[in-house]
C-alpha atoms as a PDB file:
ATOM      1  CA  UNK A   1     -13.898 -33.098   0.414  1.00  0.00           C
ATOM      2  CA  UNK A   2     -10.949 -34.926   1.797  1.00  0.00           C
ATOM      3  CA  UNK A   3     -11.242 -38.970   2.266  1.00  0.00           C
ATOM      4  CA  UNK A   4      -7.581 -40.524   3.264  1.00  0.00           C
ATOM      5  CA  UNK A   5      -7.637 -44.216   2.052  1.00  0.00           C
ATOM      6  CA  UNK A   6      -5.409 -47.320   2.540  1.00  0.00           C
ATOM      7  CA  UNK A   7      -4.432 -47.596  -0.929  1.00  0.00           C
ATOM      8  CA  UNK A   8      -5.542 -45.300  -3.990  1.00  0.00           C
ATOM      9  CA  UNK A   9      -8.692 -44.034  -4.544  1.00  0.00           C
ATOM     10  CA  UNK A  10     -10.223 -43.713  -8.004  1.00  0.00           C
ATOM     11  CA  UNK A  11     -12.916 -41.621  -6.794  1.00  0.00           C
ATOM     12  CA  UNK A  12     -13.463 -37.704  -7.725  1.00  0.00           C
ATOM     13  CA  UNK A  13     -10.297 -35.648  -6.987  1.00  0.00           C
ATOM     14  CA  UNK A  14     -10.783 -33.692  -3.879  1.00  0.00           C
ATOM     15  CA  UNK A  15     -10.562 -29.806  -4.360  1.00  0.00           C
ATOM     16  CA  UNK A  16     -10.713 -27.534  -0.992  1.00  0.00           C
ATOM     17  CA  UNK A  17     -10.348 -23.300  -0.986  1.00  0.00           C
ATOM     18  CA  UNK A  18      -8.133 -23.271   2.051  1.00  0.00           C
ATOM     19  CA  UNK A  19      -9.504 -20.805   4.230  1.00  0.00           C
ATOM     20  CA  UNK A  20      -7.430 -18.575   7.105  1.00  0.00           C
ATOM     21  CA  UNK A  21      -7.192 -19.542  10.397  1.00  0.00           C
ATOM     22  CA  UNK A  22      -7.855 -22.634  12.161  1.00  0.00           C
ATOM     23  CA  UNK A  23      -9.510 -24.042   9.297  1.00  0.00           C
ATOM     24  CA  UNK A  24      -6.462 -24.067   7.446  1.00  0.00           C
ATOM     25  CA  UNK A  25      -4.161 -25.572   9.624  1.00  0.00           C
ATOM     26  CA  UNK A  26      -6.638 -28.435   9.899  1.00  0.00           C
ATOM     27  CA  UNK A  27      -6.946 -28.762   5.839  1.00  0.00           C
ATOM     28  CA  UNK A  28      -2.639 -28.540   5.685  1.00  0.00           C
ATOM     29  CA  UNK A  29      -2.572 -31.293   8.136  1.00  0.00           C
ATOM     30  CA  UNK A  30      -4.755 -33.676   6.625  1.00  0.00           C
ATOM     31  CA  UNK A  31      -2.901 -32.104   3.326  1.00  0.00           C
ATOM     32  CA  UNK A  32       0.643 -33.724   4.658  1.00  0.00           C
ATOM     33  CA  UNK A  33      -1.131 -36.852   6.103  1.00  0.00           C
ATOM     34  CA  UNK A  34      -2.510 -37.444   2.582  1.00  0.00           C
ATOM     35  CA  UNK A  35       1.158 -36.306   0.919  1.00  0.00           C
ATOM     36  CA  UNK A  36       2.667 -38.982   3.846  1.00  0.00           C
ATOM     37  CA  UNK A  37       0.363 -41.810   3.407  1.00  0.00           C
ATOM     38  CA  UNK A  38       1.042 -41.274  -0.694  1.00  0.00           C
ATOM     39  CA  UNK A  39       4.775 -41.183   0.426  1.00  0.00           C
ATOM     40  CA  UNK A  40       4.205 -44.393   2.105  1.00  0.00           C
ATOM     41  CA  UNK A  41       1.869 -46.434  -0.599  1.00  0.00           C
ATOM     42  CA  UNK A  42       4.544 -45.450  -3.179  1.00  0.00           C
ATOM     43  CA  UNK A  43       7.285 -46.935  -1.385  1.00  0.00           C
ATOM     44  CA  UNK A  44       5.703 -50.124  -1.411  1.00  0.00           C
ATOM     45  CA  UNK A  45       5.581 -50.159  -5.245  1.00  0.00           C
ATOM     46  CA  UNK A  46       8.291 -51.478  -7.673  1.00  0.00           C
ATOM     47  CA  UNK A  47       8.709 -50.458 -11.657  1.00  0.00           C
ATOM     48  CA  UNK A  48       8.740 -53.200 -14.328  1.00  0.00           C
ATOM     49  CA  UNK A  49      12.532 -53.629 -13.344  1.00  0.00           C
ATOM     50  CA  UNK A  50      12.474 -53.877  -9.765  1.00  0.00           C
ATOM     51  CA  UNK A  51      13.361 -49.915  -8.970  1.00  0.00           C
ATOM     52  CA  UNK A  52      11.438 -47.810  -6.761  1.00  0.00           C
ATOM     53  CA  UNK A  53       7.889 -46.116  -7.949  1.00  0.00           C
ATOM     54  CA  UNK A  54       9.338 -42.175  -6.710  1.00  0.00           C
ATOM     55  CA  UNK A  55       6.134 -40.092  -8.628  1.00  0.00           C
ATOM     56  CA  UNK A  56       2.557 -40.742  -8.296  1.00  0.00           C
ATOM     57  CA  UNK A  57       0.434 -40.889 -11.687  1.00  0.00           C
ATOM     58  CA  UNK A  58      -3.105 -41.367 -12.180  1.00  0.00           C
ATOM     59  CA  UNK A  59      -3.287 -44.762 -12.582  1.00  0.00           C
ATOM     60  CA  UNK A  60      -2.197 -45.036  -8.723  1.00  0.00           C
ATOM     61  CA  UNK A  61      -5.492 -42.804  -7.886  1.00  0.00           C
ATOM     62  CA  UNK A  62      -6.313 -39.513  -8.212  1.00  0.00           C
ATOM     63  CA  UNK A  63      -4.436 -36.038  -8.016  1.00  0.00           C
ATOM     64  CA  UNK A  64      -5.488 -33.717  -5.825  1.00  0.00           C
ATOM     65  CA  UNK A  65      -5.929 -29.873  -5.808  1.00  0.00           C
ATOM     66  CA  UNK A  66      -5.045 -27.383  -2.801  1.00  0.00           C
ATOM     67  CA  UNK A  67      -6.603 -23.457  -3.782  1.00  0.00           C
ATOM     68  CA  UNK A  68      -4.981 -20.760  -1.389  1.00  0.00           C
ATOM     69  CA  UNK A  69      -6.564 -17.528  -2.110  1.00  0.00           C
ATOM     70  CA  UNK A  70      -4.946 -14.712  -0.983  1.00  0.00           C
ATOM     71  CA  UNK A  71      -1.844 -16.467   0.355  1.00  0.00           C
ATOM     72  CA  UNK A  72      -0.586 -13.069   2.300  1.00  0.00           C
ATOM     73  CA  UNK A  73      -3.665 -12.573   3.978  1.00  0.00           C
ATOM     74  CA  UNK A  74      -3.811 -16.765   4.736  1.00  0.00           C
ATOM     75  CA  UNK A  75      -0.062 -15.644   6.213  1.00  0.00           C
ATOM     76  CA  UNK A  76      -0.884 -12.567   7.643  1.00  0.00           C
ATOM     77  CA  UNK A  77      -3.683 -14.467   9.807  1.00  0.00           C
ATOM     78  CA  UNK A  78      -1.556 -17.398  10.594  1.00  0.00           C
ATOM     79  CA  UNK A  79       2.124 -17.029  10.214  1.00  0.00           C
ATOM     80  CA  UNK A  80       2.960 -20.740  11.093  1.00  0.00           C
ATOM     81  CA  UNK A  81       1.226 -22.380   8.348  1.00  0.00           C
ATOM     82  CA  UNK A  82       3.878 -20.888   6.133  1.00  0.00           C
ATOM     83  CA  UNK A  83       6.471 -23.543   7.312  1.00  0.00           C
ATOM     84  CA  UNK A  84       4.032 -26.082   6.377  1.00  0.00           C
ATOM     85  CA  UNK A  85       3.145 -24.678   3.279  1.00  0.00           C
ATOM     86  CA  UNK A  86       6.394 -24.589   1.961  1.00  0.00           C
ATOM     87  CA  UNK A  87       7.070 -28.378   3.069  1.00  0.00           C
ATOM     88  CA  UNK A  88       3.601 -29.359   0.940  1.00  0.00           C
ATOM     89  CA  UNK A  89       5.188 -27.248  -2.000  1.00  0.00           C
ATOM     90  CA  UNK A  90       8.378 -28.845  -1.943  1.00  0.00           C
ATOM     91  CA  UNK A  91       7.439 -32.531  -1.444  1.00  0.00           C
ATOM     92  CA  UNK A  92       3.606 -33.170  -2.631  1.00  0.00           C
ATOM     93  CA  UNK A  93       3.905 -32.789  -6.453  1.00  0.00           C
ATOM     94  CA  UNK A  94       5.814 -35.763  -6.381  1.00  0.00           C
ATOM     95  CA  UNK A  95       2.827 -37.140  -4.493  1.00  0.00           C
ATOM     96  CA  UNK A  96       0.245 -36.055  -6.948  1.00  0.00           C
ATOM     97  CA  UNK A  97      -0.635 -32.816  -4.608  1.00  0.00           C
ATOM     98  CA  UNK A  98      -0.913 -29.694  -6.375  1.00  0.00           C
ATOM     99  CA  UNK A  99      -0.478 -26.437  -4.597  1.00  0.00           C
ATOM    100  CA  UNK A 100      -2.426 -23.533  -6.398  1.00  0.00           C
ATOM    101  CA  UNK A 101      -1.667 -20.030  -4.961  1.00  0.00           C
ATOM    102  CA  UNK A 102      -3.279 -16.740  -5.467  1.00  0.00           C
ATOM    103  CA  UNK A 103      -2.185 -12.988  -3.472  1.00  0.00           C
ATOM    104  CA  UNK A 104      -2.925  -9.453  -4.649  1.00  0.00           C
ATOM    105  CA  UNK A 105       0.164  -8.882  -2.724  1.00  0.00           C
ATOM    106  CA  UNK A 106       3.436 -10.648  -3.640  1.00  0.00           C
ATOM    107  CA  UNK A 107       5.916  -9.948  -1.011  1.00  0.00           C
ATOM    108  CA  UNK A 108       8.484 -12.123   0.612  1.00  0.00           C
ATOM    109  CA  UNK A 109       6.565 -12.612   3.368  1.00  0.00           C
ATOM    110  CA  UNK A 110       4.038 -14.088   1.405  1.00  0.00           C
ATOM    111  CA  UNK A 111       6.607 -16.273   0.116  1.00  0.00           C
ATOM    112  CA  UNK A 112       7.876 -17.777   3.031  1.00  0.00           C
ATOM    113  CA  UNK A 113       9.351 -14.553   4.803  1.00  0.00           C
ATOM    114  CA  UNK A 114      13.326 -13.837   4.980  1.00  0.00           C
ATOM    115  CA  UNK A 115      15.683 -16.267   4.014  1.00  0.00           C
ATOM    116  CA  UNK A 116      13.440 -18.958   2.186  1.00  0.00           C
ATOM    117  CA  UNK A 117      12.523 -18.406  -1.482  1.00  0.00           C
ATOM    118  CA  UNK A 118       9.309 -20.456  -1.371  1.00  0.00           C
ATOM    119  CA  UNK A 119       8.918 -18.756  -5.472  1.00  0.00           C
ATOM    120  CA  UNK A 120      10.628 -21.309  -6.934  1.00  0.00           C
ATOM    121  CA  UNK A 121       8.309 -24.219  -5.947  1.00  0.00           C
ATOM    122  CA  UNK A 122       5.730 -22.816  -8.361  1.00  0.00           C
ATOM    123  CA  UNK A 123       6.475 -23.507 -11.101  1.00  0.00           C
ATOM    124  CA  UNK A 124       4.290 -21.455 -13.368  1.00  0.00           C
ATOM    125  CA  UNK A 125       3.774 -17.851 -12.444  1.00  0.00           C
ATOM    126  CA  UNK A 126       1.152 -15.649 -13.262  1.00  0.00           C
ATOM    127  CA  UNK A 127       1.172 -11.939 -13.601  1.00  0.00           C
ATOM    128  CA  UNK A 128      -1.767  -9.604 -14.247  1.00  0.00           C
ATOM    129  CA  UNK A 129      -1.765  -5.938 -14.340  1.00  0.00           C
ATOM    130  CA  UNK A 130       0.757  -4.288 -11.728  1.00  0.00           C
ATOM    131  CA  UNK A 131       2.346  -0.840 -12.141  1.00  0.00           C
ATOM    132  CA  UNK A 132       5.604  -1.141  -9.792  1.00  0.00           C
ATOM    133  CA  UNK A 133       8.285  -2.772 -10.113  1.00  0.00           C
ATOM    134  CA  UNK A 134       8.989  -4.335  -6.960  1.00  0.00           C
ATOM    135  CA  UNK A 135       6.118  -6.641  -7.388  1.00  0.00           C
ATOM    136  CA  UNK A 136       6.833  -7.378 -10.552  1.00  0.00           C
ATOM    137  CA  UNK A 137      10.249  -8.456  -9.794  1.00  0.00           C
ATOM    138  CA  UNK A 138       8.733 -10.697  -6.526  1.00  0.00           C
ATOM    139  CA  UNK A 139       6.369 -12.532  -8.854  1.00  0.00           C
ATOM    140  CA  UNK A 140       9.034 -13.401 -11.686  1.00  0.00           C
ATOM    141  CA  UNK A 141      12.188 -12.963 -10.149  1.00  0.00           C
ATOM    142  CA  UNK A 142      14.607 -10.437  -9.109  1.00  0.00           C
ATOM    143  CA  UNK A 143      15.007  -8.368 -12.209  1.00  0.00           C
ATOM    144  CA  UNK A 144      12.202  -9.579 -13.997  1.00  0.00           C
ATOM    145  CA  UNK A 145      11.330  -5.680 -15.008  1.00  0.00           C
ATOM    146  CA  UNK A 146      14.284  -5.033 -16.537  1.00  0.00           C
ATOM    147  CA  UNK A 147      13.773  -8.176 -18.830  1.00  0.00           C
ATOM    148  CA  UNK A 148      11.123  -7.570 -20.353  1.00  0.00           C
ATOM    149  CA  UNK A 149       8.400  -8.684 -17.982  1.00  0.00           C
ATOM    150  CA  UNK A 150       6.188  -5.638 -18.109  1.00  0.00           C
ATOM    151  CA  UNK A 151       3.262  -5.827 -16.142  1.00  0.00           C
ATOM    152  CA  UNK A 152       2.289  -2.465 -16.798  1.00  0.00           C
ATOM    153  CA  UNK A 153       1.900  -3.008 -20.281  1.00  0.00           C
ATOM    154  CA  UNK A 154      -0.974  -5.090 -19.639  1.00  0.00           C
ATOM    155  CA  UNK A 155      -3.523  -2.797 -21.271  1.00  0.00           C
ATOM    156  CA  UNK A 156      -6.667  -4.858 -21.096  1.00  0.00           C
ATOM    157  CA  UNK A 157      -9.069  -6.767 -19.695  1.00  0.00           C
ATOM    158  CA  UNK A 158      -8.164 -10.252 -18.756  1.00  0.00           C
ATOM    159  CA  UNK A 159      -4.336  -9.658 -20.068  1.00  0.00           C
ATOM    160  CA  UNK A 160      -1.617 -11.645 -18.788  1.00  0.00           C
ATOM    161  CA  UNK A 161       2.230 -12.372 -18.611  1.00  0.00           C
ATOM    162  CA  UNK A 162       2.755 -16.564 -17.790  1.00  0.00           C
ATOM    163  CA  UNK A 163       5.979 -17.729 -16.364  1.00  0.00           C
ATOM    164  CA  UNK A 164       6.816 -21.601 -16.528  1.00  0.00           C
ATOM    165  CA  UNK A 165       9.099 -24.046 -18.699  1.00  0.00           C
ATOM    166  CA  UNK A 166       7.163 -23.460 -21.647  1.00  0.00           C
ATOM    167  CA  UNK A 167       7.167 -19.872 -21.557  1.00  0.00           C
ATOM    168  CA  UNK A 168      10.520 -18.847 -20.190  1.00  0.00           C
ATOM    169  CA  UNK A 169      10.294 -15.211 -22.325  1.00  0.00           C
ATOM    170  CA  UNK A 170       7.877 -12.622 -21.827  1.00  0.00           C
ATOM    171  CA  UNK A 171       4.930 -12.756 -23.531  1.00  0.00           C
ATOM    172  CA  UNK A 172       1.320 -11.431 -23.298  1.00  0.00           C
ATOM    173  CA  UNK A 173      -1.547 -13.991 -23.408  1.00  0.00           C
ATOM    174  CA  UNK A 174      -5.261 -13.704 -22.622  1.00  0.00           C
ATOM    175  CA  UNK A 175      -7.340 -15.418 -20.391  1.00  0.00           C
END
């Protein structure tokens, strides 16, 4: 479980699956507090030429992984956590905290609601077989279906499409 510390910790990185409701709020509050603690710690460090250290590395302590299963359901049950999750996604990466979110219902609401497109904070997106264009475009971006992100063509169990800096063009993979 999570154990905040005064300085960097070199133990086993904490991993917690985020449950819905009040426990989700507690976990997100704890992650945000750790993010702030890490930011303060980094602000005390200087690089070899005296420049500020702005990014967490393994020499500062373990990376944290926050797993959110059924993102849409979490935000349906606890809509107030959306802004916390967006903040964590925007800042935590530099603090060595990664967010993995999964949903069977990709929608605008699942990614922060109207006026917020939190999808851009997820640098890697994995699509499983889907047979409608709207969720495909929601996963990979507007117009993705027309650009070849054809999740409806994934015809065998375990087939996926991955979009990331490394995989910018549609390509099937198998997990």
